[in-house]
């Protein structure tokens, strides 16, 4: 019986014998499906992957460890992300020097909507920086 593994079915049902190659193929197929899921969803938690693949959570964790070791995914607490997430934005320094006139115009218009006593939340960004500058100019 060299080259076979005994697989005990869930719930103590009968034991099946599988060749090493069949186990490798099942694992590769499962891991490919796992990667496709991560690419389409950008994140998946272990429980969702377990349900999607129809396997035990321990199997999902082993697959995630293997995929991470090969640099194909990045594991997180209770889930995983694709290894490379494409960031289509330019670095902040590069964005700050693009469209400066238009950003200043937008900043001035945006600041014009703010009245004394208003509370404003400004997120990070080069255009919102211009809003902040115009708020300071008008109040300073």
N, C-alpha and C. Protein backbone atom coordinates (compact mmCIF):
# COMPACT_ATOMS: atom_id res chain seq x y z
N UNK A 1 0.81 -1.20 0.00
CA UNK A 1 0.00 0.00 0.00
C UNK A 1 0.85 1.25 0.00
N UNK A 2 2.02 1.21 -0.57
CA UNK A 2 2.89 2.38 -0.63
C UNK A 2 2.27 3.42 -1.56
N UNK A 3 2.34 4.71 -1.19
CA UNK A 3 1.81 5.77 -2.04
C UNK A 3 0.35 6.07 -1.82
N UNK A 4 -0.25 5.50 -0.79
CA UNK A 4 -1.65 5.82 -0.50
C UNK A 4 -1.77 6.39 0.90
N UNK A 5 -2.82 7.14 1.11
CA UNK A 5 -3.12 7.69 2.42
C UNK A 5 -4.53 7.28 2.78
N UNK A 6 -4.72 7.00 4.04
CA UNK A 6 -6.06 6.70 4.50
C UNK A 6 -6.71 8.01 4.93
N UNK A 7 -7.88 8.24 4.46
CA UNK A 7 -8.63 9.44 4.78
C UNK A 7 -9.88 9.00 5.53
N UNK A 8 -10.04 9.47 6.75
CA UNK A 8 -11.22 9.12 7.52
C UNK A 8 -12.27 10.19 7.27
N UNK A 9 -13.42 9.78 6.84
CA UNK A 9 -14.48 10.73 6.51
C UNK A 9 -15.01 11.37 7.77
N UNK A 10 -15.58 12.56 7.62
CA UNK A 10 -16.16 13.30 8.74
C UNK A 10 -17.28 12.48 9.35
N UNK A 11 -17.36 12.49 10.66
CA UNK A 11 -18.43 11.78 11.36
C UNK A 11 -18.14 10.30 11.54
N UNK A 12 -16.91 9.89 11.27
CA UNK A 12 -16.54 8.50 11.50
C UNK A 12 -17.08 7.54 10.46
N UNK A 13 -17.49 8.02 9.31
CA UNK A 13 -17.97 7.14 8.26
C UNK A 13 -16.81 6.32 7.72
N UNK A 14 -17.03 5.55 6.71
CA UNK A 14 -16.00 4.62 6.27
C UNK A 14 -14.71 5.32 5.81
N UNK A 15 -13.61 4.58 5.91
CA UNK A 15 -12.31 5.09 5.55
C UNK A 15 -12.06 4.83 4.07
N UNK A 16 -11.55 5.85 3.40
CA UNK A 16 -11.24 5.70 1.97
C UNK A 16 -9.74 5.77 1.79
N UNK A 17 -9.25 5.19 0.70
CA UNK A 17 -7.84 5.24 0.38
C UNK A 17 -7.66 6.11 -0.84
N UNK A 18 -6.68 7.03 -0.76
CA UNK A 18 -6.41 7.91 -1.89
C UNK A 18 -4.93 7.89 -2.18
N UNK A 19 -4.58 7.98 -3.44
CA UNK A 19 -3.17 8.05 -3.79
C UNK A 19 -2.65 9.44 -3.43
N UNK A 20 -1.34 9.53 -3.23
CA UNK A 20 -0.71 10.82 -2.92
C UNK A 20 -1.01 11.84 -4.01
N UNK A 21 -0.99 11.39 -5.27
CA UNK A 21 -1.24 12.29 -6.39
C UNK A 21 -2.65 12.86 -6.33
N UNK A 22 -3.62 12.05 -5.97
CA UNK A 22 -5.01 12.52 -5.88
C UNK A 22 -5.14 13.57 -4.78
N UNK A 23 -4.48 13.36 -3.66
CA UNK A 23 -4.51 14.32 -2.55
C UNK A 23 -3.88 15.64 -3.00
N UNK A 24 -2.76 15.58 -3.72
CA UNK A 24 -2.10 16.78 -4.23
C UNK A 24 -3.01 17.52 -5.20
N UNK A 25 -3.68 16.78 -6.08
CA UNK A 25 -4.59 17.40 -7.04
C UNK A 25 -5.76 18.09 -6.35
N UNK A 26 -6.33 17.43 -5.33
CA UNK A 26 -7.43 18.03 -4.59
C UNK A 26 -6.96 19.31 -3.90
N UNK A 27 -5.78 19.26 -3.30
CA UNK A 27 -5.23 20.42 -2.62
C UNK A 27 -4.98 21.56 -3.60
N UNK A 28 -4.40 21.27 -4.74
CA UNK A 28 -4.12 22.30 -5.75
C UNK A 28 -5.42 22.92 -6.27
N UNK A 29 -6.42 22.09 -6.51
CA UNK A 29 -7.71 22.58 -6.98
C UNK A 29 -8.35 23.48 -5.92
N UNK A 30 -8.32 23.06 -4.69
CA UNK A 30 -8.89 23.83 -3.58
C UNK A 30 -8.17 25.17 -3.44
N UNK A 31 -6.85 25.14 -3.53
CA UNK A 31 -6.06 26.36 -3.39
C UNK A 31 -6.30 27.32 -4.55
N UNK A 32 -6.49 26.78 -5.74
CA UNK A 32 -6.80 27.63 -6.90
C UNK A 32 -8.16 28.31 -6.70
N UNK A 33 -9.13 27.57 -6.21
CA UNK A 33 -10.46 28.14 -5.94
C UNK A 33 -10.37 29.19 -4.84
N UNK A 34 -9.55 28.92 -3.85
CA UNK A 34 -9.35 29.86 -2.75
C UNK A 34 -8.77 31.18 -3.27
N UNK A 35 -7.76 31.08 -4.13
CA UNK A 35 -7.14 32.28 -4.70
C UNK A 35 -8.14 33.06 -5.56
N UNK A 36 -8.93 32.36 -6.37
CA UNK A 36 -9.93 33.03 -7.20
C UNK A 36 -10.92 33.79 -6.32
N UNK A 37 -11.32 33.17 -5.24
CA UNK A 37 -12.27 33.82 -4.31
C UNK A 37 -11.67 35.09 -3.73
N UNK A 38 -10.40 35.02 -3.33
CA UNK A 38 -9.74 36.19 -2.76
C UNK A 38 -9.57 37.30 -3.80
N UNK A 39 -9.29 36.94 -5.03
CA UNK A 39 -9.15 37.95 -6.08
C UNK A 39 -10.47 38.66 -6.34
N UNK A 40 -11.56 37.93 -6.27
CA UNK A 40 -12.86 38.53 -6.57
C UNK A 40 -13.43 39.30 -5.38
N UNK A 41 -13.05 38.94 -4.16
CA UNK A 41 -13.61 39.59 -2.98
C UNK A 41 -12.61 40.46 -2.22
N UNK A 42 -11.35 40.39 -2.52
CA UNK A 42 -10.28 41.14 -1.87
C UNK A 42 -10.01 40.71 -0.43
N UNK A 43 -10.95 40.05 0.20
CA UNK A 43 -10.75 39.53 1.56
C UNK A 43 -11.77 38.42 1.76
N UNK A 44 -11.38 37.41 2.50
CA UNK A 44 -12.32 36.37 2.90
C UNK A 44 -11.93 35.85 4.27
N UNK A 45 -12.92 35.65 5.12
CA UNK A 45 -12.61 35.09 6.43
C UNK A 45 -12.61 33.57 6.34
N UNK A 46 -11.96 32.96 7.30
CA UNK A 46 -11.76 31.51 7.29
C UNK A 46 -13.08 30.74 7.26
N UNK A 47 -14.07 31.20 8.00
CA UNK A 47 -15.36 30.50 8.03
C UNK A 47 -16.05 30.54 6.67
N UNK A 48 -15.99 31.68 6.00
CA UNK A 48 -16.60 31.79 4.68
C UNK A 48 -15.88 30.89 3.68
N UNK A 49 -14.55 30.82 3.78
CA UNK A 49 -13.79 29.94 2.90
C UNK A 49 -14.10 28.48 3.17
N UNK A 50 -14.26 28.14 4.44
CA UNK A 50 -14.61 26.77 4.82
C UNK A 50 -15.94 26.38 4.18
N UNK A 51 -16.92 27.25 4.28
CA UNK A 51 -18.23 26.97 3.71
C UNK A 51 -18.15 26.91 2.18
N UNK A 52 -17.41 27.82 1.58
CA UNK A 52 -17.27 27.87 0.13
C UNK A 52 -16.62 26.60 -0.42
N UNK A 53 -15.58 26.14 0.26
CA UNK A 53 -14.85 24.96 -0.21
C UNK A 53 -15.45 23.64 0.27
N UNK A 54 -16.27 23.69 1.31
CA UNK A 54 -16.87 22.47 1.86
C UNK A 54 -15.86 21.58 2.56
N UNK A 55 -14.92 22.21 3.27
CA UNK A 55 -13.89 21.46 3.99
C UNK A 55 -13.82 21.95 5.43
N UNK A 56 -13.02 21.26 6.22
CA UNK A 56 -12.83 21.66 7.60
C UNK A 56 -12.02 22.95 7.69
N UNK A 57 -12.21 23.69 8.77
CA UNK A 57 -11.47 24.93 8.98
C UNK A 57 -9.96 24.67 9.02
N UNK A 58 -9.56 23.55 9.60
CA UNK A 58 -8.14 23.21 9.67
C UNK A 58 -7.55 23.04 8.26
N UNK A 59 -8.33 22.51 7.34
CA UNK A 59 -7.88 22.36 5.96
C UNK A 59 -7.68 23.73 5.31
N UNK A 60 -8.62 24.63 5.55
CA UNK A 60 -8.49 25.99 5.02
C UNK A 60 -7.24 26.64 5.58
N UNK A 61 -7.02 26.50 6.88
CA UNK A 61 -5.83 27.12 7.49
C UNK A 61 -4.55 26.55 6.90
N UNK A 62 -4.48 25.24 6.68
CA UNK A 62 -3.30 24.63 6.06
C UNK A 62 -3.09 25.17 4.65
N UNK A 63 -4.16 25.29 3.90
CA UNK A 63 -4.05 25.83 2.54
C UNK A 63 -3.58 27.28 2.58
N UNK A 64 -4.08 28.07 3.51
CA UNK A 64 -3.67 29.47 3.63
C UNK A 64 -2.19 29.57 4.00
N UNK A 65 -1.74 28.72 4.90
CA UNK A 65 -0.32 28.71 5.28
C UNK A 65 0.54 28.39 4.06
N UNK A 66 0.12 27.38 3.30
CA UNK A 66 0.87 26.98 2.11
C UNK A 66 0.90 28.10 1.07
N UNK A 67 -0.24 28.70 0.80
CA UNK A 67 -0.30 29.79 -0.18
C UNK A 67 0.51 31.00 0.26
N UNK A 68 0.49 31.29 1.56
CA UNK A 68 1.27 32.42 2.05
C UNK A 68 2.76 32.13 1.94
N UNK A 69 3.17 30.90 2.23
CA UNK A 69 4.58 30.53 2.12
C UNK A 69 5.09 30.68 0.69
N UNK A 70 4.19 30.51 -0.28
CA UNK A 70 4.57 30.67 -1.69
C UNK A 70 4.38 32.10 -2.18
N UNK A 71 3.98 33.00 -1.27
CA UNK A 71 3.83 34.41 -1.61
C UNK A 71 2.60 34.74 -2.43
N UNK A 72 1.60 33.85 -2.41
CA UNK A 72 0.42 34.04 -3.25
C UNK A 72 -0.73 34.76 -2.53
N UNK A 73 -0.75 34.70 -1.21
CA UNK A 73 -1.77 35.39 -0.42
C UNK A 73 -1.11 35.96 0.83
N UNK A 74 -1.85 36.76 1.57
CA UNK A 74 -1.38 37.25 2.86
C UNK A 74 -2.44 36.91 3.89
N UNK A 75 -2.03 36.13 4.89
CA UNK A 75 -2.97 35.75 5.94
C UNK A 75 -3.19 36.91 6.90
N UNK A 76 -4.40 36.99 7.42
CA UNK A 76 -4.75 37.97 8.44
C UNK A 76 -5.37 37.21 9.60
N UNK A 77 -5.70 37.91 10.65
CA UNK A 77 -6.41 37.27 11.76
C UNK A 77 -7.77 36.82 11.25
N UNK A 78 -8.00 35.52 11.23
CA UNK A 78 -9.25 34.89 10.81
C UNK A 78 -9.59 35.06 9.34
N UNK A 79 -8.58 35.26 8.48
CA UNK A 79 -8.89 35.37 7.07
C UNK A 79 -7.65 35.53 6.22
N UNK A 80 -7.85 36.04 5.01
CA UNK A 80 -6.73 36.22 4.08
C UNK A 80 -7.06 37.30 3.06
N UNK A 81 -5.99 37.85 2.48
CA UNK A 81 -6.05 38.86 1.43
C UNK A 81 -5.19 38.39 0.27
N UNK A 82 -5.45 38.89 -0.94
CA UNK A 82 -4.51 38.60 -2.03
C UNK A 82 -3.14 39.19 -1.66
N UNK A 83 -2.07 38.57 -2.10
CA UNK A 83 -0.72 39.03 -1.74
C UNK A 83 -0.46 40.42 -2.28
N UNK A 84 -0.92 40.69 -3.48
CA UNK A 84 -0.69 41.99 -4.10
C UNK A 84 -2.04 42.63 -4.37
N UNK A 85 -2.24 43.77 -3.76
CA UNK A 85 -3.43 44.53 -4.06
C UNK A 85 -2.97 45.73 -4.86
N UNK A 86 -3.50 45.87 -6.03
CA UNK A 86 -3.07 46.93 -6.94
C UNK A 86 -3.52 48.28 -6.40
N UNK A 87 -2.57 49.17 -6.25
CA UNK A 87 -2.85 50.53 -5.82
C UNK A 87 -2.64 51.42 -7.04
N UNK A 88 -3.72 51.95 -7.58
CA UNK A 88 -3.63 52.73 -8.80
C UNK A 88 -3.39 54.21 -8.51
N UNK A 89 -3.27 54.58 -7.27
CA UNK A 89 -3.04 55.97 -6.93
C UNK A 89 -1.55 56.30 -6.97
N UNK A 90 -1.28 57.54 -7.30
CA UNK A 90 0.10 58.02 -7.28
C UNK A 90 0.48 58.34 -5.84
N UNK A 91 1.77 58.32 -5.52
CA UNK A 91 2.19 58.73 -4.19
C UNK A 91 1.74 60.17 -3.91
N UNK A 92 1.53 60.48 -2.65
CA UNK A 92 1.01 61.79 -2.25
C UNK A 92 1.85 62.94 -2.80
N UNK A 93 3.16 62.84 -2.74
CA UNK A 93 4.03 63.91 -3.23
C UNK A 93 3.82 64.15 -4.72
N UNK A 94 3.57 63.09 -5.45
CA UNK A 94 3.34 63.20 -6.89
C UNK A 94 1.97 63.82 -7.17
N UNK A 95 0.97 63.46 -6.38
CA UNK A 95 -0.37 64.00 -6.57
C UNK A 95 -0.44 65.47 -6.18
N UNK A 96 0.39 65.87 -5.22
CA UNK A 96 0.34 67.24 -4.72
C UNK A 96 0.74 68.26 -5.79
N UNK A 97 1.56 67.87 -6.74
CA UNK A 97 2.01 68.81 -7.78
C UNK A 97 1.18 68.71 -9.06
N UNK A 98 0.20 67.84 -9.10
CA UNK A 98 -0.67 67.70 -10.27
C UNK A 98 -1.95 68.51 -10.06
N UNK A 99 -2.37 69.20 -11.09
CA UNK A 99 -3.64 69.95 -11.09
C UNK A 99 -3.75 70.93 -9.93
N UNK A 100 -2.66 71.61 -9.61
CA UNK A 100 -2.64 72.49 -8.44
C UNK A 100 -3.63 73.65 -8.55
N UNK A 101 -3.77 74.22 -9.72
CA UNK A 101 -4.69 75.34 -9.89
C UNK A 101 -6.13 74.88 -9.67
N UNK A 102 -6.48 73.76 -10.27
CA UNK A 102 -7.85 73.22 -10.13
C UNK A 102 -8.13 72.84 -8.67
N UNK A 103 -7.16 72.23 -8.01
CA UNK A 103 -7.34 71.85 -6.61
C UNK A 103 -7.54 73.07 -5.72
N UNK A 104 -6.80 74.13 -6.00
CA UNK A 104 -6.96 75.38 -5.23
C UNK A 104 -8.36 75.95 -5.45
N UNK A 105 -8.86 75.89 -6.70
CA UNK A 105 -10.21 76.37 -6.99
C UNK A 105 -11.26 75.55 -6.24
N UNK A 106 -11.10 74.25 -6.27
CA UNK A 106 -12.03 73.36 -5.56
C UNK A 106 -11.96 73.63 -4.06
N UNK A 107 -10.75 73.81 -3.54
CA UNK A 107 -10.58 74.10 -2.12
C UNK A 107 -11.28 75.38 -1.70
N UNK A 108 -11.18 76.40 -2.53
CA UNK A 108 -11.83 77.69 -2.23
C UNK A 108 -13.35 77.53 -2.24
N UNK A 109 -13.86 76.84 -3.25
CA UNK A 109 -15.31 76.62 -3.33
C UNK A 109 -15.79 75.79 -2.14
N UNK A 110 -15.07 74.73 -1.84
CA UNK A 110 -15.45 73.86 -0.71
C UNK A 110 -15.45 74.61 0.61
N UNK A 111 -14.43 75.41 0.83
CA UNK A 111 -14.33 76.18 2.07
C UNK A 111 -15.47 77.20 2.17
N UNK A 112 -15.94 77.67 1.02
CA UNK A 112 -17.03 78.64 1.01
C UNK A 112 -18.34 78.09 1.55
N UNK A 113 -18.50 76.79 1.56
CA UNK A 113 -19.72 76.17 2.09
C UNK A 113 -19.73 76.11 3.62
N UNK A 114 -18.60 76.30 4.23
CA UNK A 114 -18.49 76.15 5.69
C UNK A 114 -18.82 77.48 6.36
N UNK A 115 -19.75 77.42 7.30
CA UNK A 115 -20.17 78.60 8.05
C UNK A 115 -19.53 78.58 9.44
N UNK A 116 -19.44 79.75 10.07
CA UNK A 116 -18.93 79.82 11.44
C UNK A 116 -19.74 78.87 12.31
N UNK A 117 -19.06 78.11 13.14
CA UNK A 117 -19.71 77.17 14.06
C UNK A 117 -19.90 75.78 13.47
N UNK A 118 -19.70 75.62 12.16
CA UNK A 118 -19.82 74.29 11.55
C UNK A 118 -18.68 73.40 12.00
N UNK A 119 -18.95 72.14 12.10
CA UNK A 119 -17.93 71.14 12.38
C UNK A 119 -17.68 70.39 11.07
N UNK A 120 -16.43 70.31 10.68
CA UNK A 120 -16.07 69.71 9.40
C UNK A 120 -15.04 68.62 9.62
N UNK A 121 -15.25 67.49 8.96
CA UNK A 121 -14.26 66.42 8.96
C UNK A 121 -13.61 66.40 7.59
N UNK A 122 -12.29 66.50 7.57
CA UNK A 122 -11.55 66.43 6.31
C UNK A 122 -10.69 65.17 6.33
N UNK A 123 -10.86 64.36 5.33
CA UNK A 123 -10.06 63.15 5.17
C UNK A 123 -8.73 63.53 4.54
N UNK A 124 -7.84 62.57 4.45
CA UNK A 124 -6.53 62.80 3.82
C UNK A 124 -6.69 62.95 2.33
N UNK A 125 -5.90 63.80 1.74
CA UNK A 125 -5.92 63.97 0.29
C UNK A 125 -5.38 65.33 -0.08
N UNK A 126 -4.89 65.44 -1.29
CA UNK A 126 -4.28 66.69 -1.72
C UNK A 126 -5.33 67.77 -2.01
N UNK A 127 -6.51 67.39 -2.46
CA UNK A 127 -7.57 68.37 -2.70
C UNK A 127 -8.17 68.83 -1.37
N UNK A 128 -8.36 67.93 -0.45
CA UNK A 128 -8.89 68.34 0.86
C UNK A 128 -7.88 69.20 1.61
N UNK A 129 -6.60 69.03 1.32
CA UNK A 129 -5.59 69.91 1.90
C UNK A 129 -5.84 71.35 1.46
N UNK A 130 -6.24 71.52 0.21
CA UNK A 130 -6.56 72.86 -0.28
C UNK A 130 -7.80 73.43 0.40
N UNK A 131 -8.78 72.59 0.69
CA UNK A 131 -9.95 73.05 1.44
C UNK A 131 -9.49 73.56 2.80
N UNK A 132 -8.64 72.79 3.47
CA UNK A 132 -8.14 73.19 4.79
C UNK A 132 -7.38 74.51 4.71
N UNK A 133 -6.56 74.66 3.69
CA UNK A 133 -5.80 75.92 3.53
C UNK A 133 -6.74 77.11 3.37
N UNK A 134 -7.79 76.95 2.58
CA UNK A 134 -8.74 78.04 2.37
C UNK A 134 -9.57 78.30 3.62
N UNK A 135 -9.84 77.28 4.39
CA UNK A 135 -10.53 77.49 5.68
C UNK A 135 -9.66 78.32 6.60
N UNK A 136 -8.37 78.01 6.64
CA UNK A 136 -7.46 78.77 7.48
C UNK A 136 -7.31 80.21 6.98
N UNK A 137 -7.21 80.39 5.68
CA UNK A 137 -7.08 81.74 5.10
C UNK A 137 -8.30 82.59 5.44
N UNK A 138 -9.47 81.99 5.37
CA UNK A 138 -10.69 82.74 5.64
C UNK A 138 -10.93 83.01 7.11
N UNK A 139 -10.29 82.24 8.00
CA UNK A 139 -10.53 82.34 9.44
C UNK A 139 -9.34 82.95 10.17
N UNK A 140 -8.16 82.88 9.54
CA UNK A 140 -6.92 83.23 10.22
C UNK A 140 -6.68 84.66 10.33
